[in-house]
Amino acid sequence: MNCASCPHKDCYEGKDCLDIKEDIKNLYTEHDISLLKTSTAIESRYYMEKTRLEEIILFSKMMNYERIGMAFCLGLEEESKIINSIFKKHFKVYSVCCKLCGIDKSDFELEKIHKEGKESMCNPIGQAWFLNKKETDLNIIIGLCLGHDLLFTKHSLAPVTTLVVKDRVLAHNPLGAVYSKYYRDRLSI
């Protein structure tokens, strides 16, 4: 099965290509159904009208979330300040930057960007730990590095969504590589 290459997408009309519909439906827990109903309501009511930032606010209010966590990259410090000020109008916000604790990369024998001197590693497990201690209802990733986002999500006790995906080359718009023929031609790595 390779849905990305399927020319028909008959599943949109209800086709079950794998004959597993009932098994999959049974995997949804009560909490999953609540998340699903809320996200579907946002999609239905505000289709093509709200930004991702607005959708997060609406979703969080509909889920009765009160405590929002922000795990951000220092490279997006200015953007995170603005996002924090927006969320603070609606929720109690806890934010934590990627360099939490200032652990040196050499402590884990990690490669450094600058070969000489001290260089603090990104600390996604520490970010998740901090927000877990604050008992956040929802955690939001703002530009964590690839892999760091995976570790943060794995260790977060609260559900996690991504507001900003890091892409240093394309101004944090990874789809730019797909939309640009020039980049697509380069991607046969």
N, C-alpha and C. Protein backbone atom coordinates (compact mmCIF):
# COMPACT_ATOMS: atom_id res chain seq x y z
N MET A 1 0.85 -1.18 0.00
CA MET A 1 0.00 0.00 0.00
C MET A 1 0.89 1.24 0.00
N ASN A 2 0.55 2.19 -0.85
CA ASN A 2 1.30 3.44 -0.93
C ASN A 2 0.32 4.55 -1.28
N CYS A 3 -0.32 5.08 -0.26
CA CYS A 3 -1.37 6.08 -0.46
C CYS A 3 -0.88 7.31 -1.21
N ALA A 4 0.37 7.69 -1.01
CA ALA A 4 0.88 8.89 -1.68
C ALA A 4 0.87 8.74 -3.19
N SER A 5 0.97 7.51 -3.68
CA SER A 5 0.97 7.27 -5.12
C SER A 5 -0.39 6.87 -5.66
N CYS A 6 -1.38 6.71 -4.82
CA CYS A 6 -2.71 6.28 -5.26
C CYS A 6 -3.39 7.40 -6.04
N PRO A 7 -3.85 7.12 -7.26
CA PRO A 7 -4.50 8.16 -8.06
C PRO A 7 -5.97 8.39 -7.72
N HIS A 8 -6.57 7.51 -6.93
CA HIS A 8 -8.02 7.56 -6.74
C HIS A 8 -8.46 8.13 -5.40
N LYS A 9 -7.82 7.74 -4.33
CA LYS A 9 -8.19 8.16 -2.97
C LYS A 9 -9.67 7.86 -2.68
N ASP A 10 -10.09 6.65 -3.03
CA ASP A 10 -11.47 6.23 -2.80
C ASP A 10 -11.82 6.16 -1.32
N CYS A 11 -10.81 6.18 -0.46
CA CYS A 11 -11.08 6.19 0.98
C CYS A 11 -11.85 7.45 1.37
N TYR A 12 -11.69 8.52 0.61
CA TYR A 12 -12.44 9.75 0.89
C TYR A 12 -13.94 9.50 0.80
N GLU A 13 -14.31 8.54 -0.01
CA GLU A 13 -15.73 8.18 -0.16
C GLU A 13 -16.11 6.95 0.67
N GLY A 14 -15.16 6.46 1.51
CA GLY A 14 -15.49 5.37 2.43
C GLY A 14 -14.89 4.02 2.11
N LYS A 15 -14.12 3.89 1.04
CA LYS A 15 -13.53 2.60 0.70
C LYS A 15 -12.46 2.22 1.73
N ASP A 16 -12.48 0.95 2.14
CA ASP A 16 -11.50 0.41 3.07
C ASP A 16 -10.60 -0.56 2.30
N CYS A 17 -9.49 -0.06 1.79
CA CYS A 17 -8.59 -0.86 0.95
C CYS A 17 -8.00 -2.07 1.67
N LEU A 18 -7.87 -1.99 2.97
CA LEU A 18 -7.23 -3.07 3.73
C LEU A 18 -8.23 -3.92 4.50
N ASP A 19 -9.50 -3.56 4.47
CA ASP A 19 -10.54 -4.28 5.20
C ASP A 19 -10.21 -4.37 6.70
N ILE A 20 -9.85 -3.22 7.28
CA ILE A 20 -9.49 -3.17 8.70
C ILE A 20 -10.26 -2.07 9.46
N LYS A 21 -11.25 -1.51 8.82
CA LYS A 21 -11.98 -0.38 9.39
C LYS A 21 -12.45 -0.63 10.81
N GLU A 22 -13.10 -1.75 11.06
CA GLU A 22 -13.64 -2.02 12.40
C GLU A 22 -12.52 -2.20 13.42
N ASP A 23 -11.44 -2.86 13.04
CA ASP A 23 -10.30 -3.03 13.95
C ASP A 23 -9.70 -1.68 14.32
N ILE A 24 -9.56 -0.81 13.36
CA ILE A 24 -8.99 0.51 13.61
C ILE A 24 -9.92 1.34 14.48
N LYS A 25 -11.21 1.29 14.21
CA LYS A 25 -12.17 2.04 15.02
C LYS A 25 -12.07 1.65 16.48
N ASN A 26 -11.78 0.40 16.75
CA ASN A 26 -11.68 -0.10 18.13
C ASN A 26 -10.42 0.40 18.85
N LEU A 27 -9.47 0.93 18.11
CA LEU A 27 -8.24 1.44 18.72
C LEU A 27 -8.44 2.80 19.40
N TYR A 28 -9.49 3.51 19.03
CA TYR A 28 -9.73 4.84 19.59
C TYR A 28 -10.25 4.74 21.02
N THR A 29 -9.57 5.42 21.94
CA THR A 29 -9.99 5.48 23.33
C THR A 29 -10.96 6.66 23.51
N GLU A 30 -11.51 6.76 24.68
CA GLU A 30 -12.42 7.88 24.98
C GLU A 30 -11.69 9.22 24.83
N HIS A 31 -10.44 9.27 25.30
CA HIS A 31 -9.66 10.50 25.18
C HIS A 31 -9.36 10.81 23.71
N ASP A 32 -9.03 9.77 22.94
CA ASP A 32 -8.77 9.97 21.51
C ASP A 32 -10.00 10.52 20.81
N ILE A 33 -11.17 10.02 21.16
CA ILE A 33 -12.41 10.49 20.55
C ILE A 33 -12.64 11.96 20.87
N SER A 34 -12.33 12.36 22.08
CA SER A 34 -12.47 13.76 22.47
C SER A 34 -11.56 14.65 21.62
N LEU A 35 -10.30 14.25 21.46
CA LEU A 35 -9.36 15.00 20.61
C LEU A 35 -9.85 15.02 19.16
N LEU A 36 -10.33 13.88 18.69
CA LEU A 36 -10.81 13.76 17.32
C LEU A 36 -12.03 14.65 17.06
N LYS A 37 -12.98 14.62 18.00
CA LYS A 37 -14.19 15.46 17.85
C LYS A 37 -13.84 16.93 17.84
N THR A 38 -12.92 17.34 18.71
CA THR A 38 -12.55 18.75 18.79
C THR A 38 -11.81 19.19 17.54
N SER A 39 -10.86 18.38 17.09
CA SER A 39 -10.10 18.77 15.89
C SER A 39 -10.99 18.78 14.66
N THR A 40 -11.93 17.85 14.58
CA THR A 40 -12.85 17.82 13.45
C THR A 40 -13.80 19.01 13.49
N ALA A 41 -14.21 19.42 14.69
CA ALA A 41 -15.06 20.61 14.81
C ALA A 41 -14.33 21.86 14.34
N ILE A 42 -13.06 21.99 14.71
CA ILE A 42 -12.26 23.14 14.27
C ILE A 42 -12.18 23.14 12.75
N GLU A 43 -11.86 21.98 12.18
CA GLU A 43 -11.76 21.87 10.72
C GLU A 43 -13.08 22.25 10.04
N SER A 44 -14.17 21.71 10.56
CA SER A 44 -15.48 21.94 9.95
C SER A 44 -15.95 23.39 10.06
N ARG A 45 -15.78 23.98 11.23
CA ARG A 45 -16.29 25.33 11.48
C ARG A 45 -15.42 26.43 10.89
N TYR A 46 -14.11 26.18 10.77
CA TYR A 46 -13.20 27.26 10.39
C TYR A 46 -12.34 26.91 9.18
N TYR A 47 -12.82 26.02 8.34
CA TYR A 47 -12.06 25.57 7.18
C TYR A 47 -11.63 26.75 6.32
N MET A 48 -10.34 26.89 6.12
CA MET A 48 -9.76 27.96 5.27
C MET A 48 -9.97 29.36 5.85
N GLU A 49 -10.27 29.45 7.15
CA GLU A 49 -10.52 30.75 7.77
C GLU A 49 -9.52 31.11 8.86
N LYS A 50 -8.96 30.10 9.53
CA LYS A 50 -8.11 30.37 10.69
C LYS A 50 -6.68 29.90 10.43
N THR A 51 -5.73 30.63 11.00
CA THR A 51 -4.33 30.22 10.93
C THR A 51 -4.09 29.09 11.91
N ARG A 52 -2.95 28.46 11.81
CA ARG A 52 -2.59 27.39 12.75
C ARG A 52 -2.56 27.93 14.18
N LEU A 53 -2.04 29.12 14.36
CA LEU A 53 -1.99 29.74 15.68
C LEU A 53 -3.41 29.92 16.24
N GLU A 54 -4.31 30.43 15.43
CA GLU A 54 -5.70 30.60 15.87
C GLU A 54 -6.36 29.25 16.16
N GLU A 55 -6.06 28.26 15.33
CA GLU A 55 -6.63 26.93 15.55
C GLU A 55 -6.17 26.34 16.88
N ILE A 56 -4.91 26.54 17.23
CA ILE A 56 -4.41 26.03 18.51
C ILE A 56 -5.17 26.67 19.67
N ILE A 57 -5.41 27.97 19.58
CA ILE A 57 -6.15 28.67 20.63
C ILE A 57 -7.58 28.13 20.72
N LEU A 58 -8.25 28.03 19.59
CA LEU A 58 -9.63 27.52 19.58
C LEU A 58 -9.69 26.09 20.09
N PHE A 59 -8.80 25.25 19.61
CA PHE A 59 -8.76 23.85 20.03
C PHE A 59 -8.56 23.76 21.54
N SER A 60 -7.60 24.51 22.05
CA SER A 60 -7.29 24.47 23.49
C SER A 60 -8.47 24.93 24.33
N LYS A 61 -9.15 25.95 23.88
CA LYS A 61 -10.33 26.42 24.62
C LYS A 61 -11.44 25.38 24.58
N MET A 62 -11.67 24.77 23.43
CA MET A 62 -12.71 23.75 23.31
C MET A 62 -12.39 22.52 24.17
N MET A 63 -11.11 22.23 24.35
CA MET A 63 -10.69 21.10 25.18
C MET A 63 -10.58 21.49 26.66
N ASN A 64 -10.90 22.75 26.98
CA ASN A 64 -10.79 23.27 28.34
C ASN A 64 -9.37 23.20 28.89
N TYR A 65 -8.41 23.37 28.01
CA TYR A 65 -7.02 23.42 28.45
C TYR A 65 -6.76 24.78 29.10
N GLU A 66 -5.99 24.75 30.15
CA GLU A 66 -5.64 25.98 30.87
C GLU A 66 -4.16 26.28 30.84
N ARG A 67 -3.34 25.22 30.80
CA ARG A 67 -1.88 25.37 30.88
C ARG A 67 -1.26 24.91 29.55
N ILE A 68 -0.62 25.85 28.88
CA ILE A 68 0.01 25.58 27.59
C ILE A 68 1.53 25.63 27.79
N GLY A 69 2.22 24.65 27.23
CA GLY A 69 3.67 24.63 27.27
C GLY A 69 4.24 24.94 25.89
N MET A 70 5.31 25.71 25.88
CA MET A 70 6.01 26.03 24.64
C MET A 70 7.44 25.53 24.75
N ALA A 71 7.83 24.62 23.88
CA ALA A 71 9.22 24.16 23.79
C ALA A 71 9.80 24.79 22.53
N PHE A 72 10.73 25.72 22.72
CA PHE A 72 11.20 26.47 21.55
C PHE A 72 12.71 26.42 21.39
N CYS A 73 13.13 26.68 20.16
CA CYS A 73 14.54 26.78 19.81
C CYS A 73 14.99 28.22 20.02
N LEU A 74 16.18 28.39 20.56
CA LEU A 74 16.71 29.74 20.75
C LEU A 74 16.81 30.52 19.45
N GLY A 75 16.95 29.82 18.34
CA GLY A 75 16.98 30.48 17.04
C GLY A 75 15.67 31.15 16.69
N LEU A 76 14.62 30.81 17.42
CA LEU A 76 13.29 31.41 17.22
C LEU A 76 12.85 32.14 18.48
N GLU A 77 13.80 32.75 19.16
CA GLU A 77 13.51 33.45 20.41
C GLU A 77 12.54 34.61 20.21
N GLU A 78 12.78 35.43 19.21
CA GLU A 78 11.90 36.58 18.97
C GLU A 78 10.47 36.14 18.64
N GLU A 79 10.36 35.14 17.76
CA GLU A 79 9.04 34.62 17.40
C GLU A 79 8.35 34.02 18.61
N SER A 80 9.12 33.34 19.45
CA SER A 80 8.56 32.72 20.65
C SER A 80 8.04 33.75 21.64
N LYS A 81 8.71 34.88 21.74
CA LYS A 81 8.22 35.96 22.61
C LYS A 81 6.85 36.44 22.14
N ILE A 82 6.71 36.60 20.84
CA ILE A 82 5.43 37.07 20.28
C ILE A 82 4.35 36.02 20.50
N ILE A 83 4.67 34.77 20.19
CA ILE A 83 3.70 33.68 20.36
C ILE A 83 3.30 33.56 21.83
N ASN A 84 4.27 33.66 22.72
CA ASN A 84 4.01 33.61 24.16
C ASN A 84 3.03 34.71 24.56
N SER A 85 3.25 35.93 24.07
CA SER A 85 2.37 37.04 24.44
C SER A 85 0.95 36.83 23.92
N ILE A 86 0.82 36.17 22.79
CA ILE A 86 -0.52 35.87 22.25
C ILE A 86 -1.21 34.81 23.10
N PHE A 87 -0.50 33.72 23.39
CA PHE A 87 -1.08 32.65 24.21
C PHE A 87 -1.42 33.13 25.61
N LYS A 88 -0.61 34.04 26.16
CA LYS A 88 -0.84 34.52 27.54
C LYS A 88 -2.16 35.27 27.67
N LYS A 89 -2.73 35.73 26.59
CA LYS A 89 -4.04 36.39 26.64
C LYS A 89 -5.15 35.39 26.93
N HIS A 90 -4.86 34.09 26.75
CA HIS A 90 -5.89 33.06 26.86
C HIS A 90 -5.59 31.98 27.89
N PHE A 91 -4.31 31.76 28.18
CA PHE A 91 -3.91 30.60 28.99
C PHE A 91 -2.77 30.96 29.93
N LYS A 92 -2.52 30.08 30.88
CA LYS A 92 -1.29 30.12 31.66
C LYS A 92 -0.24 29.45 30.76
N VAL A 93 0.86 30.15 30.50
CA VAL A 93 1.85 29.65 29.55
C VAL A 93 3.18 29.41 30.25
N TYR A 94 3.77 28.28 29.96
CA TYR A 94 5.10 27.94 30.42
C TYR A 94 5.96 27.74 29.18
N SER A 95 7.08 28.44 29.12
CA SER A 95 7.95 28.29 27.96
C SER A 95 9.33 27.85 28.42
N VAL A 96 9.96 27.03 27.58
CA VAL A 96 11.29 26.52 27.91
C VAL A 96 12.11 26.43 26.63
N CYS A 97 13.32 27.01 26.70
CA CYS A 97 14.17 27.02 25.51
C CYS A 97 14.98 25.73 25.41
N CYS A 98 15.52 25.52 24.24
CA CYS A 98 16.22 24.26 23.93
C CYS A 98 17.52 24.07 24.70
N LYS A 99 18.12 25.12 25.19
CA LYS A 99 19.42 25.00 25.86
C LYS A 99 19.28 24.85 27.38
N LEU A 100 18.10 24.50 27.85
CA LEU A 100 17.83 24.29 29.28
C LEU A 100 18.96 23.51 29.93
N CYS A 101 19.45 23.97 31.03
CA CYS A 101 20.51 23.37 31.85
C CYS A 101 21.92 23.63 31.33
N GLY A 102 22.08 24.07 30.10
CA GLY A 102 23.40 24.37 29.57
C GLY A 102 24.36 23.19 29.58
N ILE A 103 23.87 22.01 29.25
CA ILE A 103 24.71 20.81 29.23
C ILE A 103 25.65 20.88 28.03
N ASP A 104 26.93 20.69 28.27
CA ASP A 104 27.93 20.77 27.21
C ASP A 104 27.80 19.56 26.29
N LYS A 105 27.92 19.79 24.99
CA LYS A 105 27.85 18.70 24.02
C LYS A 105 28.92 17.64 24.28
N SER A 106 30.05 18.07 24.82
CA SER A 106 31.13 17.11 25.07
C SER A 106 30.75 16.09 26.15
N ASP A 107 29.78 16.41 26.99
CA ASP A 107 29.33 15.46 28.02
C ASP A 107 28.77 14.18 27.40
N PHE A 108 28.23 14.28 26.18
CA PHE A 108 27.70 13.11 25.47
C PHE A 108 28.47 12.82 24.19
N GLU A 109 29.65 13.43 24.05
CA GLU A 109 30.47 13.26 22.86
C GLU A 109 29.71 13.60 21.59
N LEU A 110 28.97 14.71 21.64
CA LEU A 110 28.18 15.16 20.49
C LEU A 110 29.03 16.07 19.60
N GLU A 111 28.76 16.03 18.30
CA GLU A 111 29.45 16.92 17.38
C GLU A 111 29.08 18.36 17.68
N LYS A 112 30.05 19.24 17.47
CA LYS A 112 29.83 20.67 17.71
C LYS A 112 29.79 21.42 16.39
N ILE A 113 29.03 22.49 16.37
CA ILE A 113 29.01 23.39 15.22
C ILE A 113 30.34 24.12 15.15
N HIS A 114 30.76 24.65 16.29
CA HIS A 114 32.04 25.34 16.42
C HIS A 114 32.96 24.40 17.20
N LYS A 115 33.99 23.93 16.57
CA LYS A 115 34.82 22.84 17.12
C LYS A 115 35.52 23.19 18.42
N GLU A 116 35.83 24.45 18.63
CA GLU A 116 36.58 24.85 19.83
C GLU A 116 35.63 25.37 20.90
N GLY A 117 35.96 25.12 22.16
CA GLY A 117 35.24 25.70 23.28
C GLY A 117 33.97 24.96 23.67
N LYS A 118 33.30 25.55 24.63
CA LYS A 118 32.06 24.98 25.18
C LYS A 118 30.90 25.29 24.23
N GLU A 119 30.06 24.30 24.04
CA GLU A 119 28.85 24.49 23.22
C GLU A 119 27.73 23.67 23.85
N SER A 120 26.70 24.36 24.31
CA SER A 120 25.59 23.67 24.97
C SER A 120 24.75 22.91 23.96
N MET A 121 24.35 21.73 24.36
CA MET A 121 23.49 20.90 23.51
C MET A 121 22.03 21.33 23.65
N CYS A 122 21.23 20.96 22.68
CA CYS A 122 19.79 21.10 22.83
C CYS A 122 19.34 20.00 23.79
N ASN A 123 18.32 20.29 24.57
CA ASN A 123 17.92 19.40 25.65
C ASN A 123 16.42 19.12 25.60
N PRO A 124 15.96 18.39 24.59
CA PRO A 124 14.51 18.17 24.45
C PRO A 124 13.91 17.33 25.58
N ILE A 125 14.68 16.41 26.14
CA ILE A 125 14.16 15.62 27.27
C ILE A 125 13.99 16.52 28.48
N GLY A 126 14.94 17.43 28.68
CA GLY A 126 14.83 18.39 29.77
C GLY A 126 13.64 19.34 29.57
N GLN A 127 13.40 19.74 28.32
CA GLN A 127 12.25 20.60 28.04
C GLN A 127 10.95 19.87 28.40
N ALA A 128 10.85 18.60 27.99
CA ALA A 128 9.65 17.82 28.31
C ALA A 128 9.52 17.64 29.82
N TRP A 129 10.64 17.35 30.49
CA TRP A 129 10.64 17.19 31.94
C TRP A 129 10.09 18.44 32.63
N PHE A 130 10.60 19.60 32.22
CA PHE A 130 10.15 20.86 32.82
C PHE A 130 8.65 21.06 32.62
N LEU A 131 8.16 20.86 31.41
CA LEU A 131 6.73 21.07 31.14
C LEU A 131 5.87 19.99 31.82
N ASN A 132 6.39 18.79 31.93
CA ASN A 132 5.68 17.74 32.68
C ASN A 132 5.49 18.17 34.14
N LYS A 133 6.53 18.76 34.72
CA LYS A 133 6.45 19.24 36.11
C LYS A 133 5.41 20.35 36.26
N LYS A 134 5.19 21.12 35.21
CA LYS A 134 4.19 22.19 35.23
C LYS A 134 2.79 21.66 34.92
N GLU A 135 2.69 20.37 34.63
CA GLU A 135 1.40 19.71 34.34
C GLU A 135 0.63 20.44 33.24
N THR A 136 1.32 20.73 32.15
CA THR A 136 0.68 21.39 31.03
C THR A 136 -0.38 20.47 30.40
N ASP A 137 -1.38 21.11 29.81
CA ASP A 137 -2.44 20.37 29.13
C ASP A 137 -2.10 20.08 27.68
N LEU A 138 -1.30 20.97 27.08
CA LEU A 138 -0.89 20.85 25.68
C LEU A 138 0.50 21.46 25.56
N ASN A 139 1.38 20.80 24.82
CA ASN A 139 2.71 21.34 24.56
C ASN A 139 2.86 21.64 23.08
N ILE A 140 3.51 22.74 22.80
CA ILE A 140 3.65 23.23 21.43
C ILE A 140 5.13 23.32 21.09
N ILE A 141 5.50 22.70 19.99
CA ILE A 141 6.88 22.77 19.50
C ILE A 141 7.02 23.99 18.59
N ILE A 142 8.06 24.77 18.88
CA ILE A 142 8.37 25.93 18.05
C ILE A 142 9.82 25.79 17.60
N GLY A 143 10.00 25.16 16.44
CA GLY A 143 11.29 25.10 15.79
C GLY A 143 12.34 24.21 16.41
N LEU A 144 11.96 23.15 17.09
CA LEU A 144 12.97 22.23 17.59
C LEU A 144 13.62 21.50 16.42
N CYS A 145 14.88 21.17 16.57
CA CYS A 145 15.62 20.48 15.52
C CYS A 145 14.99 19.11 15.24
N LEU A 146 15.22 18.62 14.03
CA LEU A 146 14.80 17.28 13.70
C LEU A 146 15.48 16.29 14.64
N GLY A 147 14.75 15.41 15.19
CA GLY A 147 15.26 14.46 16.18
C GLY A 147 15.00 14.97 17.59
N HIS A 148 15.30 16.23 17.83
CA HIS A 148 14.98 16.82 19.13
C HIS A 148 13.47 16.88 19.31
N ASP A 149 12.76 17.18 18.22
CA ASP A 149 11.30 17.18 18.29
C ASP A 149 10.76 15.79 18.61
N LEU A 150 11.43 14.76 18.08
CA LEU A 150 11.01 13.38 18.36
C LEU A 150 11.21 13.04 19.83
N LEU A 151 12.36 13.42 20.37
CA LEU A 151 12.63 13.15 21.78
C LEU A 151 11.67 13.92 22.69
N PHE A 152 11.41 15.17 22.35
CA PHE A 152 10.48 15.96 23.14
C PHE A 152 9.10 15.32 23.15
N THR A 153 8.61 14.95 21.99
CA THR A 153 7.29 14.34 21.87
C THR A 153 7.22 13.02 22.64
N LYS A 154 8.27 12.23 22.53
CA LYS A 154 8.31 10.93 23.22
C LYS A 154 8.23 11.10 24.73
N HIS A 155 8.86 12.14 25.27
CA HIS A 155 8.94 12.30 26.72
C HIS A 155 7.87 13.23 27.31
N SER A 156 7.11 13.89 26.48
CA SER A 156 6.04 14.77 26.96
C SER A 156 4.86 13.96 27.46
N LEU A 157 4.36 14.29 28.64
CA LEU A 157 3.16 13.63 29.15
C LEU A 157 1.90 14.22 28.53
N ALA A 158 1.95 15.50 28.15
CA ALA A 158 0.81 16.15 27.52
C ALA A 158 0.87 15.92 26.01
N PRO A 159 -0.28 16.01 25.35
CA PRO A 159 -0.27 15.94 23.89
C PRO A 159 0.63 17.05 23.32
N VAL A 160 1.21 16.78 22.16
CA VAL A 160 2.15 17.72 21.53
C VAL A 160 1.66 18.05 20.12
N THR A 161 1.73 19.33 19.78
CA THR A 161 1.50 19.76 18.40
C THR A 161 2.65 20.66 17.99
N THR A 162 2.83 20.79 16.70
CA THR A 162 3.91 21.62 16.17
C THR A 162 3.32 22.87 15.54
N LEU A 163 3.83 24.00 15.97
CA LEU A 163 3.45 25.27 15.36
C LEU A 163 4.47 25.67 14.30
N VAL A 164 5.75 25.46 14.60
CA VAL A 164 6.81 25.83 13.67
C VAL A 164 7.75 24.64 13.49
N VAL A 165 7.98 24.28 12.22
CA VAL A 165 8.95 23.25 11.89
C VAL A 165 10.24 23.95 11.46
N LYS A 166 11.35 23.55 12.08
CA LYS A 166 12.62 24.19 11.75
C LYS A 166 13.07 23.82 10.34
N ASP A 167 13.40 24.85 9.57
CA ASP A 167 14.07 24.69 8.29
C ASP A 167 14.91 25.94 8.11
N ARG A 168 16.17 25.85 8.50
CA ARG A 168 17.05 27.02 8.50
C ARG A 168 17.25 27.59 7.10
N VAL A 169 17.20 26.74 6.09
CA VAL A 169 17.45 27.18 4.72
C VAL A 169 16.23 27.88 4.11
N LEU A 170 15.04 27.40 4.43
CA LEU A 170 13.82 27.89 3.78
C LEU A 170 12.93 28.70 4.73
N ALA A 171 13.53 29.45 5.63
CA ALA A 171 12.79 30.33 6.54
C ALA A 171 11.67 29.59 7.27
N HIS A 172 11.99 28.38 7.72
CA HIS A 172 11.07 27.53 8.49
C HIS A 172 9.80 27.18 7.70
N ASN A 173 9.97 27.01 6.40
CA ASN A 173 8.89 26.59 5.52
C ASN A 173 9.38 25.38 4.72
N PRO A 174 9.37 24.18 5.32
CA PRO A 174 9.92 23.02 4.64
C PRO A 174 9.24 22.69 3.32
N LEU A 175 7.98 23.10 3.16
CA LEU A 175 7.32 22.82 1.89
C LEU A 175 7.87 23.65 0.74
N GLY A 176 8.66 24.66 1.06
CA GLY A 176 9.31 25.44 0.01
C GLY A 176 10.13 24.55 -0.91
N ALA A 177 10.72 23.49 -0.35
CA ALA A 177 11.51 22.56 -1.16
C ALA A 177 10.63 21.77 -2.13
N VAL A 178 9.38 21.58 -1.77
CA VAL A 178 8.43 20.86 -2.62
C VAL A 178 7.85 21.80 -3.68
N TYR A 179 7.56 23.03 -3.27
CA TYR A 179 6.95 24.00 -4.18
C TYR A 179 7.92 24.54 -5.23
N SER A 180 9.21 24.48 -4.95
CA SER A 180 10.21 25.03 -5.85
C SER A 180 10.80 23.93 -6.73
N LYS A 181 10.66 24.07 -8.04
CA LYS A 181 11.24 23.10 -8.97
C LYS A 181 12.75 23.02 -8.78
N TYR A 182 13.38 24.14 -8.49
CA TYR A 182 14.83 24.16 -8.30
C TYR A 182 15.25 23.26 -7.14
N TYR A 183 14.52 23.33 -6.04
CA TYR A 183 14.85 22.48 -4.90
C TYR A 183 14.47 21.03 -5.18
N ARG A 184 13.34 20.81 -5.83
CA ARG A 184 12.94 19.43 -6.13
C ARG A 184 14.02 18.73 -6.96
N ASP A 185 14.59 19.46 -7.91
CA ASP A 185 15.66 18.87 -8.74
C ASP A 185 16.87 18.51 -7.90
N ARG A 186 17.13 19.24 -6.83
CA ARG A 186 18.28 18.97 -5.96
C ARG A 186 18.03 17.82 -5.00
N LEU A 187 16.78 17.44 -4.81
CA LEU A 187 16.44 16.48 -3.77
C LEU A 187 16.61 15.01 -4.15
N SER A 188 17.25 14.74 -5.24
CA SER A 188 17.53 13.34 -5.58
C SER A 188 18.82 12.93 -4.90
N ILE A 189 18.84 13.09 -3.59
CA ILE A 189 20.03 12.83 -2.77
C ILE A 189 20.38 11.35 -2.79
